[in-house]
Amino acid sequence: MVEGDNGVAGNVEYSPTVGLIIGDGTRHATALCDHRPHRGTRVTAIIYLNELTKDNLPMLSGDSTSNWPPLDMQAAWMWAQRGRHYRRGGGPGLFDDRGRAPLEAPDRGWCSKEDCTDEDREEDRHRCKKTCNLILDDAEYKLGMRRSALFAY
């Protein structure tokens, strides 16, 4: 987390029994990680108390306090998540969640795996979204498959 005009950075260690609420323009992000080889998951949620519409999408996706999703993908990423957790009139919710809608995340320019591994090269990772698996390819994401079946929970 980065707080204040002077950009003082702080760290929070996640714990299964602790929640964290931040606000007032605090920049926030999680450390670089990939739990898929161990079939694990780390959940970080940013909650907007609005129903996402084409009218409010620019305002909601313009929140630049989080490092995810990348700024140039925020609107498309949010739109692809629409309806997963909340639906007017109800719906299957998270238990029967079938994942996001299709989402294209192409690389911008030439990219290699080396662009993905150096934590000091964040701009390269954001430029190389497909190569660095920042946003999973639709085939790997398995569109339409129940998340509970995919992750065996």
N, C-alpha and C. Protein backbone atom coordinates (compact mmCIF):
# COMPACT_ATOMS: atom_id res chain seq x y z
N MET A 1 0.85 -1.17 0.00
CA MET A 1 0.00 0.00 0.00
C MET A 1 0.89 1.23 0.00
N VAL A 2 0.46 2.25 -0.67
CA VAL A 2 1.16 3.52 -0.68
C VAL A 2 0.17 4.57 -0.21
N GLU A 3 0.57 5.33 0.79
CA GLU A 3 -0.35 6.28 1.40
C GLU A 3 0.26 7.67 1.42
N GLY A 4 -0.59 8.66 1.26
CA GLY A 4 -0.18 10.04 1.42
C GLY A 4 0.52 10.62 0.21
N ASP A 5 0.70 11.94 0.24
CA ASP A 5 1.34 12.63 -0.87
C ASP A 5 2.82 12.29 -1.00
N ASN A 6 3.46 11.88 0.09
CA ASN A 6 4.88 11.56 0.04
C ASN A 6 5.15 10.13 -0.42
N GLY A 7 4.11 9.33 -0.66
CA GLY A 7 4.26 7.99 -1.21
C GLY A 7 4.89 6.99 -0.27
N VAL A 8 4.61 7.08 1.03
CA VAL A 8 5.14 6.14 2.00
C VAL A 8 4.52 4.76 1.75
N ALA A 9 5.36 3.75 1.54
CA ALA A 9 4.88 2.40 1.25
C ALA A 9 4.83 1.58 2.52
N GLY A 10 3.81 0.74 2.62
CA GLY A 10 3.69 -0.17 3.75
C GLY A 10 3.28 -1.54 3.24
N ASN A 11 3.54 -2.55 4.03
CA ASN A 11 3.19 -3.92 3.65
C ASN A 11 2.23 -4.51 4.67
N VAL A 12 1.37 -5.38 4.19
CA VAL A 12 0.45 -6.11 5.05
C VAL A 12 0.61 -7.58 4.70
N GLU A 13 0.80 -8.43 5.70
CA GLU A 13 0.87 -9.86 5.45
C GLU A 13 -0.54 -10.42 5.55
N TYR A 14 -0.96 -11.14 4.51
CA TYR A 14 -2.30 -11.70 4.49
C TYR A 14 -2.42 -12.83 5.50
N SER A 15 -3.58 -12.94 6.09
CA SER A 15 -3.88 -13.98 7.06
C SER A 15 -5.30 -14.48 6.76
N PRO A 16 -5.55 -15.78 6.93
CA PRO A 16 -6.88 -16.30 6.61
C PRO A 16 -8.00 -15.71 7.46
N THR A 17 -7.69 -15.12 8.58
CA THR A 17 -8.74 -14.63 9.47
C THR A 17 -8.79 -13.11 9.56
N VAL A 18 -8.11 -12.42 8.66
CA VAL A 18 -8.02 -10.96 8.74
C VAL A 18 -8.50 -10.34 7.44
N GLY A 19 -9.31 -9.30 7.55
CA GLY A 19 -9.73 -8.53 6.40
C GLY A 19 -9.10 -7.15 6.48
N LEU A 20 -9.06 -6.45 5.37
CA LEU A 20 -8.43 -5.14 5.32
C LEU A 20 -9.33 -4.22 4.50
N ILE A 21 -9.63 -3.08 5.03
CA ILE A 21 -10.41 -2.08 4.31
C ILE A 21 -9.51 -0.85 4.16
N ILE A 22 -9.39 -0.38 2.93
CA ILE A 22 -8.60 0.82 2.66
C ILE A 22 -9.46 1.79 1.86
N GLY A 23 -9.06 3.01 1.82
CA GLY A 23 -9.83 3.99 1.07
C GLY A 23 -9.06 5.29 0.93
N ASP A 24 -9.78 6.33 0.58
CA ASP A 24 -9.20 7.67 0.46
C ASP A 24 -8.02 7.73 -0.49
N GLY A 25 -8.11 7.06 -1.63
CA GLY A 25 -7.08 7.18 -2.65
C GLY A 25 -5.81 6.40 -2.34
N THR A 26 -5.84 5.41 -1.48
CA THR A 26 -4.66 4.62 -1.15
C THR A 26 -4.36 3.66 -2.28
N ARG A 27 -3.13 3.75 -2.85
CA ARG A 27 -2.73 2.80 -3.90
C ARG A 27 -2.48 1.46 -3.25
N HIS A 28 -2.89 0.38 -3.93
CA HIS A 28 -2.75 -0.95 -3.35
C HIS A 28 -2.52 -1.99 -4.43
N ALA A 29 -1.80 -3.04 -4.05
CA ALA A 29 -1.51 -4.14 -4.97
C ALA A 29 -1.08 -5.34 -4.14
N THR A 30 -1.06 -6.51 -4.78
CA THR A 30 -0.52 -7.70 -4.13
C THR A 30 0.82 -8.02 -4.79
N ALA A 31 1.62 -8.81 -4.11
CA ALA A 31 2.92 -9.20 -4.66
C ALA A 31 2.72 -10.14 -5.85
N LEU A 32 3.69 -10.17 -6.73
CA LEU A 32 3.68 -11.05 -7.88
C LEU A 32 3.63 -12.50 -7.41
N CYS A 33 2.64 -13.26 -7.91
CA CYS A 33 2.52 -14.66 -7.48
C CYS A 33 1.76 -15.44 -8.54
N ASP A 34 1.97 -16.75 -8.53
CA ASP A 34 1.22 -17.66 -9.38
C ASP A 34 1.02 -18.95 -8.60
N HIS A 35 -0.17 -19.15 -8.07
CA HIS A 35 -0.45 -20.31 -7.24
C HIS A 35 -0.97 -21.50 -8.05
N ARG A 36 -1.11 -21.35 -9.36
CA ARG A 36 -1.68 -22.42 -10.17
C ARG A 36 -0.91 -23.73 -10.13
N PRO A 37 0.44 -23.72 -10.09
CA PRO A 37 1.14 -25.02 -10.04
C PRO A 37 0.78 -25.84 -8.81
N HIS A 38 0.37 -25.18 -7.73
CA HIS A 38 0.00 -25.88 -6.50
C HIS A 38 -1.51 -25.98 -6.34
N ARG A 39 -2.25 -25.61 -7.40
CA ARG A 39 -3.70 -25.59 -7.41
C ARG A 39 -4.26 -24.75 -6.27
N GLY A 40 -3.52 -23.71 -5.90
CA GLY A 40 -3.94 -22.82 -4.84
C GLY A 40 -4.54 -21.55 -5.41
N THR A 41 -5.12 -20.78 -4.53
CA THR A 41 -5.77 -19.54 -4.94
C THR A 41 -5.55 -18.49 -3.86
N ARG A 42 -5.26 -17.28 -4.27
CA ARG A 42 -5.28 -16.15 -3.34
C ARG A 42 -6.35 -15.22 -3.86
N VAL A 43 -7.27 -14.87 -3.02
CA VAL A 43 -8.39 -14.03 -3.43
C VAL A 43 -8.18 -12.62 -2.89
N THR A 44 -8.22 -11.68 -3.78
CA THR A 44 -8.21 -10.27 -3.40
C THR A 44 -9.42 -9.66 -4.08
N ALA A 45 -10.25 -8.98 -3.34
CA ALA A 45 -11.47 -8.43 -3.91
C ALA A 45 -11.50 -6.92 -3.76
N ILE A 46 -11.85 -6.27 -4.83
CA ILE A 46 -12.14 -4.84 -4.81
C ILE A 46 -13.64 -4.75 -5.05
N ILE A 47 -14.34 -4.19 -4.12
CA ILE A 47 -15.80 -4.20 -4.20
C ILE A 47 -16.31 -2.81 -4.53
N TYR A 48 -17.05 -2.72 -5.62
CA TYR A 48 -17.75 -1.49 -5.99
C TYR A 48 -19.22 -1.73 -5.71
N LEU A 49 -19.83 -0.85 -4.99
CA LEU A 49 -21.24 -1.03 -4.65
C LEU A 49 -22.11 -0.34 -5.69
N ASN A 50 -22.00 -0.80 -6.90
CA ASN A 50 -22.77 -0.28 -8.03
C ASN A 50 -23.11 -1.44 -8.96
N GLU A 51 -24.19 -1.29 -9.67
CA GLU A 51 -24.45 -2.22 -10.77
C GLU A 51 -23.71 -1.66 -11.98
N LEU A 52 -22.86 -2.45 -12.59
CA LEU A 52 -22.06 -1.99 -13.71
C LEU A 52 -22.93 -1.82 -14.95
N THR A 53 -22.89 -0.62 -15.51
CA THR A 53 -23.62 -0.31 -16.74
C THR A 53 -22.67 0.38 -17.71
N LYS A 54 -23.09 0.47 -18.97
CA LYS A 54 -22.27 1.20 -19.93
C LYS A 54 -22.10 2.66 -19.55
N ASP A 55 -23.09 3.21 -18.83
CA ASP A 55 -23.02 4.61 -18.42
C ASP A 55 -22.00 4.84 -17.31
N ASN A 56 -21.90 3.91 -16.32
CA ASN A 56 -20.98 4.15 -15.22
C ASN A 56 -19.64 3.43 -15.39
N LEU A 57 -19.47 2.63 -16.44
CA LEU A 57 -18.22 1.91 -16.67
C LEU A 57 -17.01 2.85 -16.74
N PRO A 58 -17.06 3.96 -17.49
CA PRO A 58 -15.87 4.84 -17.52
C PRO A 58 -15.48 5.37 -16.14
N MET A 59 -16.46 5.73 -15.32
CA MET A 59 -16.16 6.26 -14.00
C MET A 59 -15.57 5.16 -13.10
N LEU A 60 -16.19 3.98 -13.08
CA LEU A 60 -15.71 2.91 -12.22
C LEU A 60 -14.35 2.37 -12.68
N SER A 61 -14.16 2.23 -13.96
CA SER A 61 -12.89 1.69 -14.45
C SER A 61 -11.78 2.74 -14.42
N GLY A 62 -12.12 3.97 -14.14
CA GLY A 62 -11.12 5.04 -14.04
C GLY A 62 -10.43 5.08 -12.69
N ASP A 63 -10.80 4.19 -11.75
CA ASP A 63 -10.14 4.14 -10.44
C ASP A 63 -8.70 3.69 -10.65
N SER A 64 -7.77 4.55 -10.36
CA SER A 64 -6.37 4.22 -10.61
C SER A 64 -5.61 3.94 -9.31
N THR A 65 -6.31 3.54 -8.25
CA THR A 65 -5.62 3.28 -6.99
C THR A 65 -5.12 1.84 -6.88
N SER A 66 -5.60 0.94 -7.73
CA SER A 66 -5.11 -0.44 -7.68
C SER A 66 -4.18 -0.69 -8.86
N ASN A 67 -3.28 -1.66 -8.69
CA ASN A 67 -2.38 -2.03 -9.79
C ASN A 67 -2.99 -3.10 -10.68
N TRP A 68 -4.17 -3.55 -10.34
CA TRP A 68 -4.83 -4.58 -11.15
C TRP A 68 -6.27 -4.21 -11.37
N PRO A 69 -6.82 -4.40 -12.50
CA PRO A 69 -6.13 -4.80 -13.72
C PRO A 69 -5.33 -3.63 -14.28
N PRO A 70 -4.43 -3.89 -15.25
CA PRO A 70 -3.66 -2.80 -15.86
C PRO A 70 -4.60 -1.71 -16.38
N LEU A 71 -4.19 -0.46 -16.23
CA LEU A 71 -5.06 0.67 -16.57
C LEU A 71 -5.66 0.58 -17.97
N ASP A 72 -4.87 0.12 -18.94
CA ASP A 72 -5.39 0.07 -20.31
C ASP A 72 -6.38 -1.07 -20.52
N MET A 73 -6.57 -1.93 -19.51
CA MET A 73 -7.49 -3.05 -19.62
C MET A 73 -8.64 -2.95 -18.61
N GLN A 74 -8.65 -1.93 -17.75
CA GLN A 74 -9.63 -1.91 -16.66
C GLN A 74 -11.06 -1.99 -17.15
N ALA A 75 -11.43 -1.19 -18.12
CA ALA A 75 -12.82 -1.18 -18.58
C ALA A 75 -13.20 -2.53 -19.18
N ALA A 76 -12.37 -3.08 -20.05
CA ALA A 76 -12.67 -4.37 -20.68
C ALA A 76 -12.71 -5.49 -19.65
N TRP A 77 -11.77 -5.47 -18.70
CA TRP A 77 -11.72 -6.50 -17.67
C TRP A 77 -12.97 -6.44 -16.78
N MET A 78 -13.34 -5.25 -16.34
CA MET A 78 -14.53 -5.11 -15.50
C MET A 78 -15.78 -5.56 -16.25
N TRP A 79 -15.89 -5.19 -17.51
CA TRP A 79 -17.08 -5.57 -18.30
C TRP A 79 -17.15 -7.09 -18.46
N ALA A 80 -15.99 -7.76 -18.60
CA ALA A 80 -15.97 -9.22 -18.74
C ALA A 80 -16.37 -9.92 -17.44
N GLN A 81 -16.22 -9.26 -16.30
CA GLN A 81 -16.59 -9.85 -15.00
C GLN A 81 -18.07 -9.61 -14.65
N ARG A 82 -18.71 -8.75 -15.41
CA ARG A 82 -20.07 -8.31 -15.10
C ARG A 82 -21.02 -9.48 -14.88
N GLY A 83 -21.78 -9.40 -13.77
CA GLY A 83 -22.79 -10.39 -13.48
C GLY A 83 -22.30 -11.63 -12.75
N ARG A 84 -21.02 -11.73 -12.47
CA ARG A 84 -20.51 -12.95 -11.82
C ARG A 84 -20.91 -13.01 -10.35
N HIS A 85 -20.88 -11.89 -9.67
CA HIS A 85 -21.12 -11.89 -8.23
C HIS A 85 -22.48 -11.32 -7.87
N TYR A 86 -23.02 -10.49 -8.73
CA TYR A 86 -24.30 -9.84 -8.46
C TYR A 86 -25.09 -9.77 -9.75
N ARG A 87 -26.34 -10.11 -9.67
CA ARG A 87 -27.25 -9.96 -10.80
C ARG A 87 -28.55 -9.38 -10.27
N ARG A 88 -29.03 -8.36 -10.94
CA ARG A 88 -30.34 -7.82 -10.57
C ARG A 88 -31.34 -8.96 -10.69
N GLY A 89 -32.12 -9.18 -9.65
CA GLY A 89 -33.09 -10.26 -9.66
C GLY A 89 -32.52 -11.60 -9.23
N GLY A 90 -31.24 -11.64 -8.82
CA GLY A 90 -30.64 -12.88 -8.33
C GLY A 90 -29.98 -13.68 -9.44
N GLY A 91 -29.47 -14.81 -9.09
CA GLY A 91 -28.79 -15.67 -10.04
C GLY A 91 -27.96 -16.69 -9.30
N PRO A 92 -27.15 -17.46 -10.01
CA PRO A 92 -26.42 -18.56 -9.37
C PRO A 92 -25.33 -18.11 -8.41
N GLY A 93 -24.81 -16.91 -8.53
CA GLY A 93 -23.78 -16.42 -7.62
C GLY A 93 -22.47 -17.15 -7.78
N LEU A 94 -21.62 -17.10 -6.76
CA LEU A 94 -20.28 -17.66 -6.85
C LEU A 94 -20.26 -19.19 -6.89
N PHE A 95 -21.24 -19.84 -6.25
CA PHE A 95 -21.21 -21.31 -6.22
C PHE A 95 -21.27 -21.90 -7.62
N ASP A 96 -22.08 -21.35 -8.49
CA ASP A 96 -22.21 -21.85 -9.86
C ASP A 96 -21.50 -20.93 -10.86
N ASP A 97 -20.52 -20.19 -10.40
CA ASP A 97 -19.81 -19.23 -11.26
C ASP A 97 -19.15 -19.94 -12.43
N ARG A 98 -19.39 -19.43 -13.62
CA ARG A 98 -18.80 -20.01 -14.83
C ARG A 98 -17.73 -19.10 -15.41
N GLY A 99 -17.21 -18.20 -14.59
CA GLY A 99 -16.08 -17.37 -15.02
C GLY A 99 -16.51 -16.15 -15.82
N ARG A 100 -15.53 -15.45 -16.28
CA ARG A 100 -15.75 -14.20 -17.00
C ARG A 100 -16.16 -14.45 -18.45
N ALA A 101 -16.57 -13.37 -19.08
CA ALA A 101 -16.86 -13.39 -20.52
C ALA A 101 -15.52 -13.40 -21.28
N PRO A 102 -15.54 -13.68 -22.58
CA PRO A 102 -14.31 -13.63 -23.37
C PRO A 102 -13.61 -12.28 -23.21
N LEU A 103 -12.27 -12.32 -23.18
CA LEU A 103 -11.49 -11.11 -22.97
C LEU A 103 -10.18 -11.22 -23.74
N GLU A 104 -9.95 -10.33 -24.65
CA GLU A 104 -8.72 -10.30 -25.45
C GLU A 104 -7.69 -9.44 -24.74
N ALA A 105 -6.49 -9.99 -24.54
CA ALA A 105 -5.41 -9.25 -23.88
C ALA A 105 -4.12 -9.44 -24.68
N PRO A 106 -4.01 -8.77 -25.81
CA PRO A 106 -2.83 -8.98 -26.66
C PRO A 106 -1.58 -8.29 -26.09
N ASP A 107 -0.42 -8.81 -26.49
CA ASP A 107 0.83 -8.12 -26.19
C ASP A 107 0.92 -6.87 -27.05
N ARG A 108 1.58 -5.84 -26.54
CA ARG A 108 1.83 -4.63 -27.32
C ARG A 108 3.32 -4.58 -27.61
N GLY A 109 3.68 -4.97 -28.83
CA GLY A 109 5.09 -5.01 -29.21
C GLY A 109 5.70 -6.38 -28.96
N TRP A 110 7.01 -6.45 -29.12
CA TRP A 110 7.72 -7.72 -28.96
C TRP A 110 7.87 -8.03 -27.49
N CYS A 111 7.60 -9.28 -27.08
CA CYS A 111 7.67 -9.67 -25.68
C CYS A 111 8.38 -11.01 -25.56
N SER A 112 9.09 -11.19 -24.45
CA SER A 112 9.72 -12.47 -24.13
C SER A 112 9.44 -12.78 -22.66
N LYS A 113 9.70 -14.02 -22.25
CA LYS A 113 9.49 -14.41 -20.85
C LYS A 113 10.35 -13.58 -19.90
N GLU A 114 11.50 -13.08 -20.36
CA GLU A 114 12.35 -12.25 -19.51
C GLU A 114 11.64 -10.96 -19.11
N ASP A 115 10.72 -10.49 -19.94
CA ASP A 115 9.95 -9.29 -19.61
C ASP A 115 9.01 -9.53 -18.44
N CYS A 116 8.79 -10.78 -18.09
CA CYS A 116 7.79 -11.14 -17.08
C CYS A 116 8.37 -11.36 -15.69
N THR A 117 9.66 -11.57 -15.57
CA THR A 117 10.21 -12.06 -14.31
C THR A 117 10.87 -11.00 -13.44
N ASP A 118 11.26 -9.89 -13.99
CA ASP A 118 11.96 -8.86 -13.22
C ASP A 118 10.95 -7.92 -12.59
N GLU A 119 10.88 -7.91 -11.25
CA GLU A 119 9.89 -7.07 -10.56
C GLU A 119 10.12 -5.58 -10.81
N ASP A 120 11.31 -5.19 -11.24
CA ASP A 120 11.58 -3.78 -11.54
C ASP A 120 11.11 -3.39 -12.93
N ARG A 121 10.56 -4.34 -13.68
CA ARG A 121 10.12 -4.07 -15.06
C ARG A 121 8.61 -4.22 -15.18
N GLU A 122 7.88 -3.63 -14.25
CA GLU A 122 6.42 -3.75 -14.24
C GLU A 122 5.81 -3.26 -15.54
N GLU A 123 6.37 -2.20 -16.13
CA GLU A 123 5.81 -1.69 -17.38
C GLU A 123 5.93 -2.71 -18.50
N ASP A 124 6.98 -3.55 -18.48
CA ASP A 124 7.10 -4.61 -19.48
C ASP A 124 6.03 -5.68 -19.28
N ARG A 125 5.78 -6.06 -18.03
CA ARG A 125 4.72 -7.04 -17.77
C ARG A 125 3.37 -6.52 -18.26
N HIS A 126 3.09 -5.27 -18.01
CA HIS A 126 1.80 -4.71 -18.44
C HIS A 126 1.72 -4.59 -19.96
N ARG A 127 2.84 -4.40 -20.62
CA ARG A 127 2.87 -4.35 -22.08
C ARG A 127 2.74 -5.75 -22.67
N CYS A 128 3.19 -6.75 -21.93
CA CYS A 128 3.24 -8.13 -22.41
C CYS A 128 2.21 -9.01 -21.69
N LYS A 129 0.96 -8.59 -21.72
CA LYS A 129 -0.09 -9.26 -20.95
C LYS A 129 -0.26 -10.73 -21.32
N LYS A 130 -0.21 -11.06 -22.61
CA LYS A 130 -0.42 -12.45 -23.04
C LYS A 130 0.80 -13.31 -22.69
N THR A 131 1.99 -12.85 -23.02
CA THR A 131 3.22 -13.59 -22.74
C THR A 131 3.40 -13.82 -21.25
N CYS A 132 3.08 -12.82 -20.43
CA CYS A 132 3.28 -12.91 -18.98
C CYS A 132 2.08 -13.49 -18.24
N ASN A 133 1.06 -13.90 -18.97
CA ASN A 133 -0.16 -14.47 -18.36
C ASN A 133 -0.80 -13.54 -17.34
N LEU A 134 -0.74 -12.24 -17.59
CA LEU A 134 -1.43 -11.32 -16.69
C LEU A 134 -2.93 -11.54 -16.77
N ILE A 135 -3.41 -11.78 -17.96
CA ILE A 135 -4.81 -12.13 -18.17
C ILE A 135 -4.79 -13.41 -18.97
N LEU A 136 -5.33 -14.47 -18.40
CA LEU A 136 -5.25 -15.76 -19.05
C LEU A 136 -5.96 -15.75 -20.40
N ASP A 137 -5.37 -16.44 -21.34
CA ASP A 137 -5.97 -16.67 -22.64
C ASP A 137 -7.31 -17.38 -22.42
N ASP A 138 -8.30 -17.05 -23.23
CA ASP A 138 -9.63 -17.63 -23.06
C ASP A 138 -9.62 -19.16 -23.04
N ALA A 139 -8.78 -19.80 -23.86
CA ALA A 139 -8.73 -21.26 -23.90
C ALA A 139 -8.20 -21.82 -22.58
N GLU A 140 -7.15 -21.21 -22.03
CA GLU A 140 -6.60 -21.67 -20.75
C GLU A 140 -7.55 -21.36 -19.60
N TYR A 141 -8.26 -20.24 -19.71
CA TYR A 141 -9.21 -19.85 -18.67
C TYR A 141 -10.42 -20.78 -18.62
N LYS A 142 -10.68 -21.46 -19.74
CA LYS A 142 -11.80 -22.41 -19.85
C LYS A 142 -13.15 -21.72 -19.65
N LEU A 143 -13.43 -20.82 -20.58
CA LEU A 143 -14.68 -20.07 -20.55
C LEU A 143 -15.87 -21.02 -20.40
N GLY A 144 -16.81 -20.64 -19.56
CA GLY A 144 -18.06 -21.38 -19.42
C GLY A 144 -18.00 -22.57 -18.47
N MET A 145 -16.80 -22.97 -18.06
CA MET A 145 -16.68 -24.10 -17.14
C MET A 145 -16.91 -23.62 -15.71
N ARG A 146 -17.69 -24.37 -14.94
CA ARG A 146 -17.93 -23.99 -13.54
C ARG A 146 -16.60 -23.88 -12.82
N ARG A 147 -16.37 -22.79 -12.13
CA ARG A 147 -15.13 -22.59 -11.39
C ARG A 147 -14.95 -23.66 -10.31
N SER A 148 -16.04 -24.12 -9.71
CA SER A 148 -15.94 -25.15 -8.69
C SER A 148 -15.41 -26.48 -9.28
N ALA A 149 -15.80 -26.78 -10.53
CA ALA A 149 -15.29 -27.98 -11.18
C ALA A 149 -13.83 -27.80 -11.60
N LEU A 150 -13.51 -26.62 -12.08
CA LEU A 150 -12.16 -26.33 -12.54
C LEU A 150 -11.15 -26.37 -11.40
N PHE A 151 -11.52 -25.78 -10.27
CA PHE A 151 -10.58 -25.68 -9.13
C PHE A 151 -10.86 -26.73 -8.05
N ALA A 152 -11.85 -27.58 -8.26
CA ALA A 152 -12.18 -28.68 -7.34
C ALA A 152 -12.43 -28.20 -5.91
N TYR A 153 -13.26 -27.18 -5.78
CA TYR A 153 -13.64 -26.76 -4.41
C TYR A 153 -15.11 -27.00 -4.19
